[in-house]
Amino acid sequence: MHEEVIPVLYSFRRCPYAMRARMAIAAADCEIEHREILLSDRPEHLRAISATATVPCLEIRPGKVLVESLQIMSWALEQHDPLNWLPAQDQVKVADELIASNDGEFKYNLDRFKYPTRYDDADPLTARANAERFVISLDEQLGRHTQLLGDKVSMADVAIFPFVRQFSRADEGWFASTPYEAVRRWLAWWETAPIFGRIMAKIPVWQPSDPVLRFTTAFPS
């Protein structure tokens, strides 16, 4: 009789990449083991299975590891997509382009706005203005629909929301004064969404001696 092997997810609560992976796993109701870590003290097993030891990291089984959050999201939703988060065929290109813009230029500038001391010659105001262009495009889209691809939640919303949330919190007073009402409504909707509250529950940092903590136990519905 073979011992049950379930996928293992390494995560860090406040990481936006990990947030979107956890939301997809929660939506898909995948059965996995959850290991919450500290980025300042990464477990040896994580270092052994991932060259970068970044989060999220999903070990589906020994030898099969996903280290990109979008890969984890797709894997989860392809197992089970009861909320229909995967974009329709005619929306895939738009979704991919939005996510690529978020993960590329927007994230580059977000980091230099939020953490300017980490980067040589970073100008936070220039970075904010550059990142703002993406927010403006989202505001225009959300002025027509409640979500990014229409009036139904999609993987694009889930993938982008944690980063725009981070941008809005880097200087909350300034962001509150901007004219981006549609983006603020969208952020407020997501921040109060039950699935986001569920995956943001605080749990203890994983230790190798701990018993298996199932995702459904760590983040009950």
Protein backbone atom coordinates (compact mmCIF):
# COMPACT_ATOMS: atom_id res chain seq x y z
CA MET A 1 0.00 0.00 0.00
CA HIS A 2 1.49 3.33 -1.06
CA GLU A 3 1.56 6.26 1.34
CA GLU A 4 -0.58 9.16 0.13
CA VAL A 5 1.47 11.93 -1.44
CA ILE A 6 -0.15 15.34 -1.68
CA PRO A 7 1.35 18.45 -3.29
CA VAL A 8 3.31 20.75 -0.97
CA LEU A 9 2.97 24.52 -1.26
CA TYR A 10 5.56 26.85 0.21
CA SER A 11 4.08 30.30 0.72
CA PHE A 12 4.54 33.64 2.47
CA ARG A 13 1.38 35.40 3.54
CA ARG A 14 2.18 38.93 2.31
CA CYS A 15 3.83 38.02 -1.00
CA PRO A 16 1.51 39.08 -3.88
CA TYR A 17 2.69 36.18 -6.04
CA ALA A 18 1.82 33.77 -3.24
CA MET A 19 -1.53 35.50 -2.68
CA ARG A 20 -2.69 34.86 -6.21
CA ALA A 21 -1.51 31.26 -6.11
CA ARG A 22 -3.37 30.64 -2.85
CA MET A 23 -6.56 32.21 -4.22
CA ALA A 24 -6.49 29.89 -7.25
CA ILE A 25 -5.84 26.86 -5.04
CA ALA A 26 -8.70 27.90 -2.76
CA ALA A 27 -11.05 28.41 -5.70
CA ALA A 28 -10.11 25.02 -7.14
CA ASP A 29 -10.39 23.38 -3.69
CA CYS A 30 -7.15 21.49 -4.30
CA GLU A 31 -5.93 19.12 -1.61
CA ILE A 32 -2.40 20.25 -0.75
CA GLU A 33 -0.09 20.65 2.23
CA HIS A 34 0.52 24.29 3.17
CA ARG A 35 3.88 25.39 4.54
CA GLU A 36 4.09 29.03 5.60
CA ILE A 37 7.67 30.26 5.71
CA LEU A 38 9.78 33.29 6.56
CA LEU A 39 11.75 34.66 3.62
CA SER A 40 14.60 35.35 6.04
CA ASP A 41 14.75 31.68 7.06
CA ARG A 42 13.93 29.48 4.06
CA PRO A 43 13.64 25.74 4.71
CA GLU A 44 16.31 23.40 3.39
CA HIS A 45 13.72 21.37 1.49
CA LEU A 46 12.60 24.49 -0.39
CA ARG A 47 16.21 25.23 -1.32
CA ALA A 48 16.63 21.63 -2.46
CA ILE A 49 13.66 21.66 -4.84
CA SER A 50 13.96 25.23 -6.14
CA ALA A 51 17.13 26.92 -7.35
CA THR A 52 15.77 30.34 -6.36
CA ALA A 53 13.94 29.19 -3.21
CA THR A 54 11.25 31.78 -3.89
CA VAL A 55 7.55 31.61 -3.08
CA PRO A 56 5.13 30.36 -4.07
CA CYS A 57 6.67 26.99 -4.82
CA LEU A 58 4.51 23.91 -5.38
CA GLU A 59 6.01 20.43 -5.27
CA ILE A 60 3.31 18.37 -6.98
CA ARG A 61 5.32 15.21 -6.45
CA PRO A 62 9.05 14.44 -6.13
CA GLY A 63 10.68 15.66 -9.32
CA LYS A 64 7.74 17.82 -10.46
CA VAL A 65 7.91 21.33 -9.06
CA LEU A 66 6.21 24.56 -10.14
CA VAL A 67 8.05 27.74 -9.13
CA GLU A 68 6.04 30.35 -11.04
CA SER A 69 2.80 31.64 -9.51
CA LEU A 70 0.99 31.72 -12.87
CA GLN A 71 1.92 28.08 -13.45
CA ILE A 72 0.49 27.21 -10.04
CA MET A 73 -2.70 29.14 -10.76
CA SER A 74 -3.15 27.40 -14.11
CA TRP A 75 -2.40 23.99 -12.61
CA ALA A 76 -4.97 24.48 -9.85
CA LEU A 77 -7.72 25.81 -12.11
CA GLU A 78 -7.12 23.10 -14.67
CA GLN A 79 -7.78 20.55 -11.91
CA HIS A 80 -11.07 22.19 -11.02
CA ASP A 81 -12.54 25.55 -11.97
CA PRO A 82 -15.97 25.75 -10.33
CA LEU A 83 -15.98 29.57 -10.37
CA ASN A 84 -15.03 29.72 -14.06
CA TRP A 85 -11.95 31.85 -13.48
CA LEU A 86 -10.13 30.59 -16.56
CA PRO A 87 -10.79 33.13 -19.33
CA ALA A 88 -12.94 32.19 -22.29
CA GLN A 89 -11.07 31.39 -25.48
CA ASP A 90 -11.79 34.83 -26.97
CA GLN A 91 -10.46 36.50 -23.79
CA VAL A 92 -7.19 34.60 -23.41
CA LYS A 93 -5.10 37.06 -25.42
CA VAL A 94 -6.39 40.11 -23.52
CA ALA A 95 -5.91 38.34 -20.18
CA ASP A 96 -2.36 37.31 -21.08
CA GLU A 97 -1.48 40.84 -22.18
CA LEU A 98 -2.87 42.39 -18.99
CA ILE A 99 -1.01 39.94 -16.78
CA ALA A 100 2.21 40.41 -18.76
CA SER A 101 1.96 44.19 -18.33
CA ASN A 102 1.34 43.75 -14.62
CA ASP A 103 4.19 41.32 -14.09
CA GLY A 104 6.57 43.27 -16.32
CA GLU A 105 6.68 47.06 -16.45
CA PHE A 106 4.17 47.67 -13.65
CA LYS A 107 5.93 45.39 -11.16
CA TYR A 108 9.31 46.87 -12.12
CA ASN A 109 8.09 50.38 -11.30
CA LEU A 110 6.04 49.28 -8.29
CA ASP A 111 9.18 47.91 -6.65
CA ARG A 112 11.09 51.15 -7.25
CA PHE A 113 8.20 53.21 -5.92
CA LYS A 114 7.61 51.11 -2.82
CA TYR A 115 11.23 50.13 -2.04
CA PRO A 116 13.44 52.87 -3.59
CA THR A 117 16.38 52.21 -1.25
CA ARG A 118 16.76 48.70 -2.66
CA TYR A 119 17.67 49.97 -6.11
CA ASP A 120 20.53 52.17 -7.25
CA ASP A 121 19.38 55.58 -8.51
CA ALA A 122 15.67 54.72 -8.11
CA ASP A 123 13.43 57.79 -8.22
CA PRO A 124 10.19 56.83 -6.43
CA LEU A 125 8.14 59.65 -7.97
CA THR A 126 9.23 58.74 -11.49
CA ALA A 127 8.55 55.08 -10.75
CA ARG A 128 5.12 55.97 -9.39
CA ALA A 129 4.27 57.97 -12.50
CA ASN A 130 5.41 55.10 -14.73
CA ALA A 131 3.39 52.56 -12.75
CA GLU A 132 0.41 54.89 -12.78
CA ARG A 133 0.03 54.44 -16.54
CA PHE A 134 -1.02 50.83 -15.97
CA VAL A 135 -3.47 51.87 -13.25
CA ILE A 136 -5.00 54.40 -15.65
CA SER A 137 -5.54 51.66 -18.23
CA LEU A 138 -7.20 49.47 -15.60
CA ASP A 139 -9.40 52.34 -14.46
CA GLU A 140 -10.63 52.83 -18.02
CA GLN A 141 -11.41 49.12 -18.32
CA LEU A 142 -13.12 49.00 -14.93
CA GLY A 143 -15.15 52.07 -15.78
CA ARG A 144 -16.96 49.86 -18.31
CA HIS A 145 -17.14 46.63 -16.32
CA THR A 146 -16.97 45.49 -12.71
CA GLN A 147 -14.00 43.19 -13.44
CA LEU A 148 -11.11 43.39 -15.88
CA LEU A 149 -12.52 41.13 -18.60
CA GLY A 150 -16.18 41.97 -18.09
CA ASP A 151 -18.64 41.59 -15.26
CA LYS A 152 -17.34 38.17 -14.21
CA VAL A 153 -14.23 37.44 -12.19
CA SER A 154 -11.41 35.91 -14.19
CA MET A 155 -7.87 34.72 -13.60
CA ALA A 156 -6.70 38.16 -14.79
CA ASP A 157 -8.37 39.87 -11.82
CA VAL A 158 -6.94 37.36 -9.38
CA ALA A 159 -3.44 37.63 -10.85
CA ILE A 160 -3.34 41.44 -10.93
CA PHE A 161 -5.27 42.48 -7.82
CA PRO A 162 -2.53 41.76 -5.21
CA PHE A 163 -0.05 44.01 -7.02
CA VAL A 164 -2.43 46.93 -7.54
CA ARG A 165 -3.36 46.55 -3.87
CA GLN A 166 0.33 46.85 -2.99
CA PHE A 167 0.62 49.95 -5.19
CA SER A 168 -2.40 51.56 -3.51
CA ARG A 169 -0.87 51.01 -0.09
CA ALA A 170 2.60 52.35 -0.87
CA ASP A 171 1.26 55.89 -0.35
CA GLU A 172 -2.35 55.58 0.75
CA GLY A 173 -2.94 59.32 1.12
CA TRP A 174 -1.77 60.01 -2.41
CA PHE A 175 -3.73 57.09 -3.88
CA ALA A 176 -6.91 58.22 -2.13
CA SER A 177 -6.55 61.60 -3.84
CA THR A 178 -6.27 60.16 -7.36
CA PRO A 179 -9.26 60.07 -9.74
CA TYR A 180 -9.16 56.29 -10.10
CA GLU A 181 -12.59 55.61 -8.64
CA ALA A 182 -13.18 52.46 -10.68
CA VAL A 183 -9.91 50.92 -9.53
CA ARG A 184 -10.69 51.82 -5.91
CA ARG A 185 -14.10 50.15 -6.17
CA TRP A 186 -12.49 47.06 -7.68
CA LEU A 187 -9.86 46.94 -4.94
CA ALA A 188 -12.49 47.36 -2.23
CA TRP A 189 -14.54 44.54 -3.74
CA TRP A 190 -11.57 42.19 -3.75
CA GLU A 191 -10.31 43.18 -0.31
CA THR A 192 -13.69 42.23 1.16
CA ALA A 193 -14.14 39.11 -0.98
CA PRO A 194 -14.52 36.00 1.23
CA ILE A 195 -11.87 34.09 -0.72
CA PHE A 196 -9.29 36.81 -0.10
CA GLY A 197 -10.10 36.94 3.59
CA ARG A 198 -9.78 33.18 3.69
CA ILE A 199 -6.29 32.97 2.15
CA MET A 200 -5.01 35.89 4.25
CA ALA A 201 -5.68 34.15 7.55
CA LYS A 202 -2.55 34.10 9.72
CA ILE A 203 -1.07 30.70 10.40
CA PRO A 204 2.12 29.64 12.21
CA VAL A 205 5.42 29.41 10.37
CA TRP A 206 6.05 25.81 9.31
CA GLN A 207 8.63 23.72 11.10
CA PRO A 208 9.97 20.38 9.78
CA SER A 209 8.67 18.63 12.89
CA ASP A 210 5.11 19.89 12.35
CA PRO A 211 2.35 17.51 11.25
CA VAL A 212 0.94 17.94 7.77
CA LEU A 213 -1.27 21.03 7.58
CA ARG A 214 -3.82 20.62 4.81
CA PHE A 215 -4.71 23.74 2.89
CA THR A 216 -8.40 23.25 3.67
CA THR A 217 -7.52 23.15 7.37
CA ALA A 218 -5.19 26.16 7.24
CA PHE A 219 -7.70 28.15 5.19
CA PRO A 220 -11.16 26.66 5.85
CA SER A 221 -14.05 27.76 3.65
